[in-house]
Each structure stands twice: as structure tokens, then as C-alpha cells.
């Protein structure tokens, strides 16, 4: 069975995310869209939607996320969540997505 969506989460903890990156093949009434958001103090921020959907089900994907004290940059757009590099202590993957490597610079 192919995935309907997956999510990458980065932040202080699972309840305090600087980045929630959620490509949706078909999930939550969405199809071929990327949802990006942040979660601070249990409250979701303003959701960003990206219609440029480069992912193919069953294919490898390379996702580049860079961050500094000002915010996070995902290859498709920029997100400025207010959590800087020193706050990234949590990383998780949800759904049928396997991380092969993480490179820190």
C-alpha cells in the first residue's frame, strides 16, 4: 500500500514544533499538496500550502531543510517560525517515510 501522506517534525518537543512539513498525496481531503506549519504552546500557527508537489509515491525523495537563528528554509519556500537553531532538539517522522541520512552543516 502506498502512503497517503507523511510528515517531518522539528522543534523543541512533539508539542512545540518549529516545522511541521506534511506532503499529502491524498489525505485530509487534500491531494498533491504540501502543508507547512509550526506548533507553539499547543497552538498551530498559520498554515502554508504549496501546490508545487515534486513527490512521487514509491520513489526516493531528497528534502533539504536548513535553519539558523532567523528561521527555517525548505527547498520549496521559507518559513520563519521564531525558533532558532539552538531550539531544534526534536526530530520525528510520521507515516510511511524512511530517513536514509541526515547531514548537519
PDB file of N, CA and C in Angstrom:
ATOM      1  N   UNK A   1       0.845  -1.187   0.000  1.00  0.00           N
ATOM      2  CA  UNK A   1       0.000   0.000   0.000  1.00  0.00           C
ATOM      3  C   UNK A   1       0.887   1.246   0.000  1.00  0.00           C
ATOM      4  N   UNK A   2       0.630   2.173  -0.872  1.00  0.00           N
ATOM      5  CA  UNK A   2       1.414   3.399  -0.967  1.00  0.00           C
ATOM      6  C   UNK A   2       0.942   4.412   0.070  1.00  0.00           C
ATOM      7  N   UNK A   3       1.844   5.271   0.542  1.00  0.00           N
ATOM      8  CA  UNK A   3       1.473   6.243   1.576  1.00  0.00           C
ATOM      9  C   UNK A   3       0.498   7.286   1.046  1.00  0.00           C
ATOM     10  N   UNK A   4      -0.361   7.780   1.949  1.00  0.00           N
ATOM     11  CA  UNK A   4      -1.258   8.875   1.581  1.00  0.00           C
ATOM     12  C   UNK A   4      -0.665  10.216   2.002  1.00  0.00           C
ATOM     13  N   UNK A   5       0.234  10.183   2.985  1.00  0.00           N
ATOM     14  CA  UNK A   5       0.940  11.390   3.423  1.00  0.00           C
ATOM     15  C   UNK A   5       2.073  10.978   4.349  1.00  0.00           C
ATOM     16  N   UNK A   6       2.971  11.911   4.609  1.00  0.00           N
ATOM     17  CA  UNK A   6       3.986  11.725   5.634  1.00  0.00           C
ATOM     18  C   UNK A   6       4.285  13.092   6.214  1.00  0.00           C
ATOM     19  N   UNK A   7       4.963  13.120   7.351  1.00  0.00           N
ATOM     20  CA  UNK A   7       5.293  14.396   7.980  1.00  0.00           C
ATOM     21  C   UNK A   7       6.675  14.317   8.607  1.00  0.00           C
ATOM     22  N   UNK A   8       7.409  15.415   8.497  1.00  0.00           N
ATOM     23  CA  UNK A   8       8.670  15.609   9.197  1.00  0.00           C
ATOM     24  C   UNK A   8       8.438  16.719  10.208  1.00  0.00           C
ATOM     25  N   UNK A   9       8.830  16.484  11.450  1.00  0.00           N
ATOM     26  CA  UNK A   9       8.627  17.458  12.515  1.00  0.00           C
ATOM     27  C   UNK A   9       9.957  17.796  13.173  1.00  0.00           C
ATOM     28  N   UNK A  10      10.204  19.091  13.386  1.00  0.00           N
ATOM     29  CA  UNK A  10      11.417  19.553  14.054  1.00  0.00           C
ATOM     30  C   UNK A  10      11.034  20.640  15.045  1.00  0.00           C
ATOM     31  N   UNK A  11      11.662  20.605  16.225  1.00  0.00           N
ATOM     32  CA  UNK A  11      11.393  21.650  17.202  1.00  0.00           C
ATOM     33  C   UNK A  11      11.999  21.342  18.545  1.00  0.00           C
ATOM     34  N   UNK A  12      11.378  21.857  19.596  1.00  0.00           N
ATOM     35  CA  UNK A  12      11.836  21.609  20.970  1.00  0.00           C
ATOM     36  C   UNK A  12      11.317  20.273  21.478  1.00  0.00           C
ATOM     37  N   UNK A  13      10.070  19.950  21.092  1.00  0.00           N
ATOM     38  CA  UNK A  13       9.406  18.720  21.537  1.00  0.00           C
ATOM     39  C   UNK A  13       8.251  18.458  20.591  1.00  0.00           C
ATOM     40  N   UNK A  14       7.597  17.311  20.755  1.00  0.00           N
ATOM     41  CA  UNK A  14       6.480  16.972  19.887  1.00  0.00           C
ATOM     42  C   UNK A  14       5.314  17.941  19.977  1.00  0.00           C
ATOM     43  N   UNK A  15       5.238  18.692  21.068  1.00  0.00           N
ATOM     44  CA  UNK A  15       4.170  19.672  21.231  1.00  0.00           C
ATOM     45  C   UNK A  15       4.635  21.101  20.967  1.00  0.00           C
ATOM     46  N   UNK A  16       5.879  21.266  20.530  1.00  0.00           N
ATOM     47  CA  UNK A  16       6.442  22.592  20.268  1.00  0.00           C
ATOM     48  C   UNK A  16       7.340  22.486  19.028  1.00  0.00           C
ATOM     49  N   UNK A  17       6.738  22.616  17.853  1.00  0.00           N
ATOM     50  CA  UNK A  17       7.422  22.362  16.588  1.00  0.00           C
ATOM     51  C   UNK A  17       7.742  23.646  15.840  1.00  0.00           C
ATOM     52  N   UNK A  18       8.994  23.807  15.460  1.00  0.00           N
ATOM     53  CA  UNK A  18       9.373  24.912  14.589  1.00  0.00           C
ATOM     54  C   UNK A  18       8.909  24.624  13.167  1.00  0.00           C
ATOM     55  N   UNK A  19       8.866  23.331  12.808  1.00  0.00           N
ATOM     56  CA  UNK A  19       8.462  22.943  11.466  1.00  0.00           C
ATOM     57  C   UNK A  19       7.654  21.653  11.487  1.00  0.00           C
ATOM     58  N   UNK A  20       6.493  21.698  10.901  1.00  0.00           N
ATOM     59  CA  UNK A  20       5.681  20.513  10.578  1.00  0.00           C
ATOM     60  C   UNK A  20       5.561  20.534   9.057  1.00  0.00           C
ATOM     61  N   UNK A  21       6.275  19.632   8.385  1.00  0.00           N
ATOM     62  CA  UNK A  21       6.338  19.564   6.923  1.00  0.00           C
ATOM     63  C   UNK A  21       5.552  18.319   6.506  1.00  0.00           C
ATOM     64  N   UNK A  22       4.408  18.512   5.827  1.00  0.00           N
ATOM     65  CA  UNK A  22       3.457  17.426   5.597  1.00  0.00           C
ATOM     66  C   UNK A  22       3.006  17.330   4.136  1.00  0.00           C
ATOM     67  N   UNK A  23       3.783  16.633   3.282  1.00  0.00           N
ATOM     68  CA  UNK A  23       3.320  16.368   1.912  1.00  0.00           C
ATOM     69  C   UNK A  23       2.154  15.379   1.931  1.00  0.00           C
ATOM     70  N   UNK A  24       1.088  15.710   1.215  1.00  0.00           N
ATOM     71  CA  UNK A  24      -0.112  14.862   1.195  1.00  0.00           C
ATOM     72  C   UNK A  24      -0.408  14.399  -0.221  1.00  0.00           C
ATOM     73  N   UNK A  25      -0.257  13.094  -0.443  1.00  0.00           N
ATOM     74  CA  UNK A  25      -0.631  12.517  -1.738  1.00  0.00           C
ATOM     75  C   UNK A  25      -2.154  12.529  -1.853  1.00  0.00           C
ATOM     76  N   UNK A  26      -2.822  11.993  -0.849  1.00  0.00           N
ATOM     77  CA  UNK A  26      -4.281  12.054  -0.701  1.00  0.00           C
ATOM     78  C   UNK A  26      -4.583  11.832   0.766  1.00  0.00           C
ATOM     79  N   UNK A  27      -4.850  12.912   1.482  1.00  0.00           N
ATOM     80  CA  UNK A  27      -5.072  12.826   2.919  1.00  0.00           C
ATOM     81  C   UNK A  27      -5.780  14.087   3.396  1.00  0.00           C
ATOM     82  N   UNK A  28      -6.649  13.947   4.390  1.00  0.00           N
ATOM     83  CA  UNK A  28      -7.359  15.090   4.981  1.00  0.00           C
ATOM     84  C   UNK A  28      -8.071  15.929   3.907  1.00  0.00           C
ATOM     85  N   UNK A  29      -8.673  15.282   2.948  1.00  0.00           N
ATOM     86  CA  UNK A  29      -9.389  15.941   1.827  1.00  0.00           C
ATOM     87  C   UNK A  29      -8.469  16.728   0.896  1.00  0.00           C
ATOM     88  N   UNK A  30      -7.179  16.538   1.015  1.00  0.00           N
ATOM     89  CA  UNK A  30      -6.204  17.204   0.150  1.00  0.00           C
ATOM     90  C   UNK A  30      -5.573  16.177  -0.778  1.00  0.00           C
ATOM     91  N   UNK A  31      -5.115  16.631  -1.936  1.00  0.00           N
ATOM     92  CA  UNK A  31      -4.402  15.762  -2.872  1.00  0.00           C
ATOM     93  C   UNK A  31      -3.257  16.548  -3.502  1.00  0.00           C
ATOM     94  N   UNK A  32      -2.062  15.952  -3.474  1.00  0.00           N
ATOM     95  CA  UNK A  32      -0.859  16.509  -4.098  1.00  0.00           C
ATOM     96  C   UNK A  32      -0.603  17.959  -3.654  1.00  0.00           C
ATOM     97  N   UNK A  33      -0.477  18.114  -2.334  1.00  0.00           N
ATOM     98  CA  UNK A  33      -0.226  19.421  -1.731  1.00  0.00           C
ATOM     99  C   UNK A  33       0.735  19.237  -0.554  1.00  0.00           C
ATOM    100  N   UNK A  34       1.516  20.252  -0.279  1.00  0.00           N
ATOM    101  CA  UNK A  34       2.405  20.232   0.884  1.00  0.00           C
ATOM    102  C   UNK A  34       1.888  21.252   1.888  1.00  0.00           C
ATOM    103  N   UNK A  35       1.699  20.797   3.111  1.00  0.00           N
ATOM    104  CA  UNK A  35       1.265  21.666   4.202  1.00  0.00           C
ATOM    105  C   UNK A  35       2.463  21.905   5.112  1.00  0.00           C
ATOM    106  N   UNK A  36       2.677  23.150   5.475  1.00  0.00           N
ATOM    107  CA  UNK A  36       3.775  23.526   6.364  1.00  0.00           C
ATOM    108  C   UNK A  36       3.205  24.392   7.481  1.00  0.00           C
ATOM    109  N   UNK A  37       3.631  24.106   8.716  1.00  0.00           N
ATOM    110  CA  UNK A  37       3.089  24.839   9.845  1.00  0.00           C
ATOM    111  C   UNK A  37       4.078  24.776  11.002  1.00  0.00           C
ATOM    112  N   UNK A  38       3.764  25.477  12.065  1.00  0.00           N
ATOM    113  CA  UNK A  38       4.518  25.402  13.312  1.00  0.00           C
ATOM    114  C   UNK A  38       3.511  25.212  14.450  1.00  0.00           C
ATOM    115  N   UNK A  39       3.985  24.669  15.548  1.00  0.00           N
ATOM    116  CA  UNK A  39       3.147  24.419  16.722  1.00  0.00           C
ATOM    117  C   UNK A  39       3.895  24.953  17.931  1.00  0.00           C
ATOM    118  N   UNK A  40       3.343  25.975  18.566  1.00  0.00           N
ATOM    119  CA  UNK A  40       3.987  26.586  19.728  1.00  0.00           C
ATOM    120  C   UNK A  40       2.979  26.705  20.854  1.00  0.00           C
ATOM    121  N   UNK A  41       3.351  26.197  22.021  1.00  0.00           N
ATOM    122  CA  UNK A  41       2.448  26.256  23.168  1.00  0.00           C
ATOM    123  C   UNK A  41       1.138  25.532  22.920  1.00  0.00           C
ATOM    124  N   UNK A  42       1.158  24.497  22.103  1.00  0.00           N
ATOM    125  CA  UNK A  42      -0.053  23.738  21.800  1.00  0.00           C
ATOM    126  C   UNK A  42      -0.945  24.379  20.751  1.00  0.00           C
ATOM    127  N   UNK A  43      -0.534  25.521  20.213  1.00  0.00           N
ATOM    128  CA  UNK A  43      -1.339  26.231  19.210  1.00  0.00           C
ATOM    129  C   UNK A  43      -0.655  26.174  17.848  1.00  0.00           C
ATOM    130  N   UNK A  44      -1.409  25.768  16.819  1.00  0.00           N
ATOM    131  CA  UNK A  44      -0.879  25.763  15.463  1.00  0.00           C
ATOM    132  C   UNK A  44      -0.777  27.183  14.931  1.00  0.00           C
ATOM    133  N   UNK A  45       0.283  27.452  14.181  1.00  0.00           N
ATOM    134  CA  UNK A  45       0.471  28.750  13.545  1.00  0.00           C
ATOM    135  C   UNK A  45      -0.343  28.829  12.262  1.00  0.00           C
ATOM    136  N   UNK A  46      -0.037  29.822  11.453  1.00  0.00           N
ATOM    137  CA  UNK A  46      -0.724  29.989  10.178  1.00  0.00           C
ATOM    138  C   UNK A  46      -0.203  28.951   9.184  1.00  0.00           C
ATOM    139  N   UNK A  47      -1.104  28.156   8.660  1.00  0.00           N
ATOM    140  CA  UNK A  47      -0.735  27.097   7.723  1.00  0.00           C
ATOM    141  C   UNK A  47      -0.331  27.673   6.373  1.00  0.00           C
ATOM    142  N   UNK A  48       0.763  27.144   5.825  1.00  0.00           N
ATOM    143  CA  UNK A  48       1.192  27.497   4.477  1.00  0.00           C
ATOM    144  C   UNK A  48       0.940  26.287   3.587  1.00  0.00           C
ATOM    145  N   UNK A  49       0.477  26.543   2.370  1.00  0.00           N
ATOM    146  CA  UNK A  49       0.208  25.470   1.418  1.00  0.00           C
ATOM    147  C   UNK A  49       1.049  25.687   0.173  1.00  0.00           C
ATOM    148  N   UNK A  50       1.642  24.612  -0.314  1.00  0.00           N
ATOM    149  CA  UNK A  50       2.450  24.654  -1.526  1.00  0.00           C
ATOM    150  C   UNK A  50       1.869  23.662  -2.523  1.00  0.00           C
ATOM    151  N   UNK A  51       1.495  24.163  -3.698  1.00  0.00           N
ATOM    152  CA  UNK A  51       0.891  23.315  -4.727  1.00  0.00           C
ATOM    153  C   UNK A  51       1.925  22.653  -5.631  1.00  0.00           C
ATOM    154  N   UNK A  52       3.159  23.155  -5.637  1.00  0.00           N
ATOM    155  CA  UNK A  52       4.238  22.522  -6.399  1.00  0.00           C
ATOM    156  C   UNK A  52       4.609  21.250  -5.644  1.00  0.00           C
ATOM    157  N   UNK A  53       4.216  20.099  -6.165  1.00  0.00           N
ATOM    158  CA  UNK A  53       4.335  18.822  -5.457  1.00  0.00           C
ATOM    159  C   UNK A  53       5.306  17.908  -6.197  1.00  0.00           C
ATOM    160  N   UNK A  54       6.585  17.887  -5.802  1.00  0.00           N
ATOM    161  CA  UNK A  54       7.599  17.133  -6.547  1.00  0.00           C
ATOM    162  C   UNK A  54       7.682  15.649  -6.185  1.00  0.00           C
ATOM    163  N   UNK A  55       6.886  15.175  -5.239  1.00  0.00           N
ATOM    164  CA  UNK A  55       6.998  13.808  -4.753  1.00  0.00           C
ATOM    165  C   UNK A  55       6.200  12.826  -5.612  1.00  0.00           C
ATOM    166  N   UNK A  56       6.738  11.609  -5.729  1.00  0.00           N
ATOM    167  CA  UNK A  56       6.061  10.511  -6.415  1.00  0.00           C
ATOM    168  C   UNK A  56       5.978   9.342  -5.439  1.00  0.00           C
ATOM    169  N   UNK A  57       4.804   8.736  -5.303  1.00  0.00           N
ATOM    170  CA  UNK A  57       4.650   7.607  -4.399  1.00  0.00           C
ATOM    171  C   UNK A  57       5.586   6.472  -4.800  1.00  0.00           C
ATOM    172  N   UNK A  58       6.281   5.917  -3.803  1.00  0.00           N
ATOM    173  CA  UNK A  58       7.178   4.809  -4.032  1.00  0.00           C
ATOM    174  C   UNK A  58       8.561   5.196  -4.535  1.00  0.00           C
ATOM    175  N   UNK A  59       8.823   6.480  -4.733  1.00  0.00           N
ATOM    176  CA  UNK A  59      10.113   6.953  -5.241  1.00  0.00           C
ATOM    177  C   UNK A  59      10.911   7.626  -4.122  1.00  0.00           C
ATOM    178  N   UNK A  60      12.237   7.602  -4.247  1.00  0.00           N
ATOM    179  CA  UNK A  60      13.099   8.310  -3.301  1.00  0.00           C
ATOM    180  C   UNK A  60      12.884   9.813  -3.443  1.00  0.00           C
ATOM    181  N   UNK A  61      13.068  10.527  -2.347  1.00  0.00           N
ATOM    182  CA  UNK A  61      12.946  11.986  -2.353  1.00  0.00           C
ATOM    183  C   UNK A  61      14.076  12.572  -1.518  1.00  0.00           C
ATOM    184  N   UNK A  62      14.588  13.706  -1.935  1.00  0.00           N
ATOM    185  CA  UNK A  62      15.601  14.424  -1.174  1.00  0.00           C
ATOM    186  C   UNK A  62      14.970  15.720  -0.683  1.00  0.00           C
ATOM    187  N   UNK A  63      14.955  15.899   0.623  1.00  0.00           N
ATOM    188  CA  UNK A  63      14.370  17.085   1.236  1.00  0.00           C
ATOM    189  C   UNK A  63      15.489  17.821   1.961  1.00  0.00           C
ATOM    190  N   UNK A  64      15.706  19.067   1.601  1.00  0.00           N
ATOM    191  CA  UNK A  64      16.755  19.877   2.220  1.00  0.00           C
ATOM    192  C   UNK A  64      16.115  20.927   3.116  1.00  0.00           C
ATOM    193  N   UNK A  65      16.432  20.847   4.406  1.00  0.00           N
ATOM    194  CA  UNK A  65      15.927  21.810   5.379  1.00  0.00           C
ATOM    195  C   UNK A  65      17.145  22.458   6.015  1.00  0.00           C
ATOM    196  N   UNK A  66      17.246  23.767   5.895  1.00  0.00           N
ATOM    197  CA  UNK A  66      18.336  24.480   6.551  1.00  0.00           C
ATOM    198  C   UNK A  66      17.733  25.448   7.555  1.00  0.00           C
ATOM    199  N   UNK A  67      18.484  25.714   8.611  1.00  0.00           N
ATOM    200  CA  UNK A  67      17.960  26.613   9.638  1.00  0.00           C
ATOM    201  C   UNK A  67      19.078  27.395  10.278  1.00  0.00           C
ATOM    202  N   UNK A  68      18.696  28.573  10.763  1.00  0.00           N
ATOM    203  CA  UNK A  68      19.603  29.429  11.506  1.00  0.00           C
ATOM    204  C   UNK A  68      18.777  30.157  12.554  1.00  0.00           C
ATOM    205  N   UNK A  69      19.355  31.145  13.197  1.00  0.00           N
ATOM    206  CA  UNK A  69      18.662  31.850  14.274  1.00  0.00           C
ATOM    207  C   UNK A  69      17.403  32.574  13.796  1.00  0.00           C
ATOM    208  N   UNK A  70      17.329  32.905  12.500  1.00  0.00           N
ATOM    209  CA  UNK A  70      16.165  33.626  11.983  1.00  0.00           C
ATOM    210  C   UNK A  70      15.008  32.708  11.588  1.00  0.00           C
ATOM    211  N   UNK A  71      15.274  31.465  11.221  1.00  0.00           N
ATOM    212  CA  UNK A  71      14.175  30.584  10.841  1.00  0.00           C
ATOM    213  C   UNK A  71      14.629  29.389  10.038  1.00  0.00           C
ATOM    214  N   UNK A  72      13.672  28.763   9.402  1.00  0.00           N
ATOM    215  CA  UNK A  72      13.884  27.547   8.620  1.00  0.00           C
ATOM    216  C   UNK A  72      13.640  27.803   7.154  1.00  0.00           C
ATOM    217  N   UNK A  73      14.398  27.118   6.300  1.00  0.00           N
ATOM    218  CA  UNK A  73      14.166  27.184   4.863  1.00  0.00           C
ATOM    219  C   UNK A  73      14.026  25.768   4.338  1.00  0.00           C
ATOM    220  N   UNK A  74      12.898  25.492   3.699  1.00  0.00           N
ATOM    221  CA  UNK A  74      12.678  24.235   2.994  1.00  0.00           C
ATOM    222  C   UNK A  74      12.856  24.574   1.518  1.00  0.00           C
ATOM    223  N   UNK A  75      13.335  23.653   0.727  1.00  0.00           N
ATOM    224  CA  UNK A  75      13.671  23.916  -0.672  1.00  0.00           C
ATOM    225  C   UNK A  75      12.557  24.612  -1.444  1.00  0.00           C
ATOM    226  N   UNK A  76      11.292  24.444  -1.049  1.00  0.00           N
ATOM    227  CA  UNK A  76      10.177  24.998  -1.813  1.00  0.00           C
ATOM    228  C   UNK A  76       9.776  26.407  -1.389  1.00  0.00           C
ATOM    229  N   UNK A  77       9.973  26.773  -0.153  1.00  0.00           N
ATOM    230  CA  UNK A  77       9.627  28.107   0.325  1.00  0.00           C
ATOM    231  C   UNK A  77      10.288  28.343   1.673  1.00  0.00           C
ATOM    232  N   UNK A  78      10.152  29.545   2.212  1.00  0.00           N
ATOM    233  CA  UNK A  78      10.737  29.865   3.510  1.00  0.00           C
ATOM    234  C   UNK A  78       9.655  29.956   4.565  1.00  0.00           C
ATOM    235  N   UNK A  79       9.995  29.491   5.755  1.00  0.00           N
ATOM    236  CA  UNK A  79       9.121  29.568   6.915  1.00  0.00           C
ATOM    237  C   UNK A  79       9.904  30.280   8.009  1.00  0.00           C
ATOM    238  N   UNK A  80       9.338  31.263   8.641  1.00  0.00           N
ATOM    239  CA  UNK A  80      10.014  31.997   9.710  1.00  0.00           C
ATOM    240  C   UNK A  80       9.252  31.768  11.019  1.00  0.00           C
ATOM    241  N   UNK A  81       9.491  30.651  11.711  1.00  0.00           N
ATOM    242  CA  UNK A  81       8.685  30.309  12.869  1.00  0.00           C
ATOM    243  C   UNK A  81       9.099  30.941  14.186  1.00  0.00           C
ATOM    244  N   UNK A  82      10.245  31.577  14.270  1.00  0.00           N
ATOM    245  CA  UNK A  82      10.647  32.196  15.527  1.00  0.00           C
ATOM    246  C   UNK A  82      11.446  31.281  16.442  1.00  0.00           C
ATOM    247  N   UNK A  83      11.695  30.044  16.058  1.00  0.00           N
ATOM    248  CA  UNK A  83      12.569  29.165  16.825  1.00  0.00           C
ATOM    249  C   UNK A  83      13.881  29.051  16.063  1.00  0.00           C
ATOM    250  N   UNK A  84      14.970  29.392  16.700  1.00  0.00           N
ATOM    251  CA  UNK A  84      16.256  29.358  16.020  1.00  0.00           C
ATOM    252  C   UNK A  84      16.967  28.021  16.162  1.00  0.00           C
ATOM    253  N   UNK A  85      18.162  27.954  15.635  1.00  0.00           N
ATOM    254  CA  UNK A  85      18.969  26.741  15.627  1.00  0.00           C
ATOM    255  C   UNK A  85      19.125  26.133  17.013  1.00  0.00           C
ATOM    256  N   UNK A  86      19.337  26.947  18.018  1.00  0.00           N
ATOM    257  CA  UNK A  86      19.566  26.430  19.356  1.00  0.00           C
ATOM    258  C   UNK A  86      18.348  25.702  19.924  1.00  0.00           C
ATOM    259  N   UNK A  87      17.177  25.864  19.325  1.00  0.00           N
ATOM    260  CA  UNK A  87      15.951  25.264  19.841  1.00  0.00           C
ATOM    261  C   UNK A  87      15.606  23.929  19.197  1.00  0.00           C
ATOM    262  N   UNK A  88      16.310  23.517  18.158  1.00  0.00           N
ATOM    263  CA  UNK A  88      15.972  22.270  17.479  1.00  0.00           C
ATOM    264  C   UNK A  88      16.552  21.099  18.263  1.00  0.00           C
ATOM    265  N   UNK A  89      15.711  20.461  19.067  1.00  0.00           N
ATOM    266  CA  UNK A  89      16.123  19.332  19.888  1.00  0.00           C
ATOM    267  C   UNK A  89      15.300  18.087  19.577  1.00  0.00           C
ATOM    268  N   UNK A  90      14.287  18.217  18.748  1.00  0.00           N
ATOM    269  CA  UNK A  90      13.348  17.129  18.481  1.00  0.00           C
ATOM    270  C   UNK A  90      13.195  16.956  16.972  1.00  0.00           C
ATOM    271  N   UNK A  91      13.238  15.706  16.512  1.00  0.00           N
ATOM    272  CA  UNK A  91      13.016  15.387  15.104  1.00  0.00           C
ATOM    273  C   UNK A  91      12.213  14.101  15.048  1.00  0.00           C
ATOM    274  N   UNK A  92      11.118  14.094  14.286  1.00  0.00           N
ATOM    275  CA  UNK A  92      10.336  12.869  14.134  1.00  0.00           C
ATOM    276  C   UNK A  92       9.814  12.750  12.713  1.00  0.00           C
ATOM    277  N   UNK A  93       9.510  11.522  12.340  1.00  0.00           N
ATOM    278  CA  UNK A  93       8.930  11.212  11.038  1.00  0.00           C
ATOM    279  C   UNK A  93       7.643  10.453  11.286  1.00  0.00           C
ATOM    280  N   UNK A  94       6.566  10.867  10.629  1.00  0.00           N
ATOM    281  CA  UNK A  94       5.285  10.176  10.730  1.00  0.00           C
ATOM    282  C   UNK A  94       4.917   9.635   9.361  1.00  0.00           C
ATOM    283  N   UNK A  95       4.238   8.509   9.324  1.00  0.00           N
ATOM    284  CA  UNK A  95       3.789   7.943   8.064  1.00  0.00           C
ATOM    285  C   UNK A  95       4.815   6.999   7.465  1.00  0.00           C
ATOM    286  N   UNK A  96       4.556   6.594   6.254  1.00  0.00           N
ATOM    287  CA  UNK A  96       5.391   5.612   5.566  1.00  0.00           C
ATOM    288  C   UNK A  96       6.514   6.318   4.812  1.00  0.00           C
ATOM    289  N   UNK A  97       7.499   6.781   5.568  1.00  0.00           N
ATOM    290  CA  UNK A  97       8.637   7.511   5.019  1.00  0.00           C
ATOM    291  C   UNK A  97       9.854   7.095   5.823  1.00  0.00           C
ATOM    292  N   UNK A  98      10.916   6.741   5.165  1.00  0.00           N
ATOM    293  CA  UNK A  98      12.125   6.289   5.836  1.00  0.00           C
ATOM    294  C   UNK A  98      13.244   7.283   5.577  1.00  0.00           C
ATOM    295  N   UNK A  99      13.894   7.728   6.625  1.00  0.00           N
ATOM    296  CA  UNK A  99      15.027   8.636   6.508  1.00  0.00           C
ATOM    297  C   UNK A  99      16.279   7.790   6.316  1.00  0.00           C
ATOM    298  N   UNK A 100      17.008   8.033   5.220  1.00  0.00           N
ATOM    299  CA  UNK A 100      18.242   7.294   4.948  1.00  0.00           C
ATOM    300  C   UNK A 100      19.454   7.998   5.551  1.00  0.00           C
ATOM    301  N   UNK A 101      19.446   9.326   5.576  1.00  0.00           N
ATOM    302  CA  UNK A 101      20.581  10.037   6.159  1.00  0.00           C
ATOM    303  C   UNK A 101      20.170  11.443   6.555  1.00  0.00           C
ATOM    304  N   UNK A 102      20.908  11.970   7.511  1.00  0.00           N
ATOM    305  CA  UNK A 102      20.766  13.361   7.943  1.00  0.00           C
ATOM    306  C   UNK A 102      22.177  13.946   7.951  1.00  0.00           C
ATOM    307  N   UNK A 103      22.343  15.064   7.297  1.00  0.00           N
ATOM    308  CA  UNK A 103      23.653  15.716   7.252  1.00  0.00           C
ATOM    309  C   UNK A 103      23.531  17.087   7.893  1.00  0.00           C
ATOM    310  N   UNK A 104      24.327  17.337   8.907  1.00  0.00           N
ATOM    311  CA  UNK A 104      24.335  18.618   9.594  1.00  0.00           C
ATOM    312  C   UNK A 104      25.565  19.391   9.163  1.00  0.00           C
ATOM    313  N   UNK A 105      25.373  20.674   8.849  1.00  0.00           N
ATOM    314  CA  UNK A 105      26.491  21.526   8.460  1.00  0.00           C
ATOM    315  C   UNK A 105      26.667  22.638   9.436  1.00  0.00           C
TER     316      UNK A 105
END
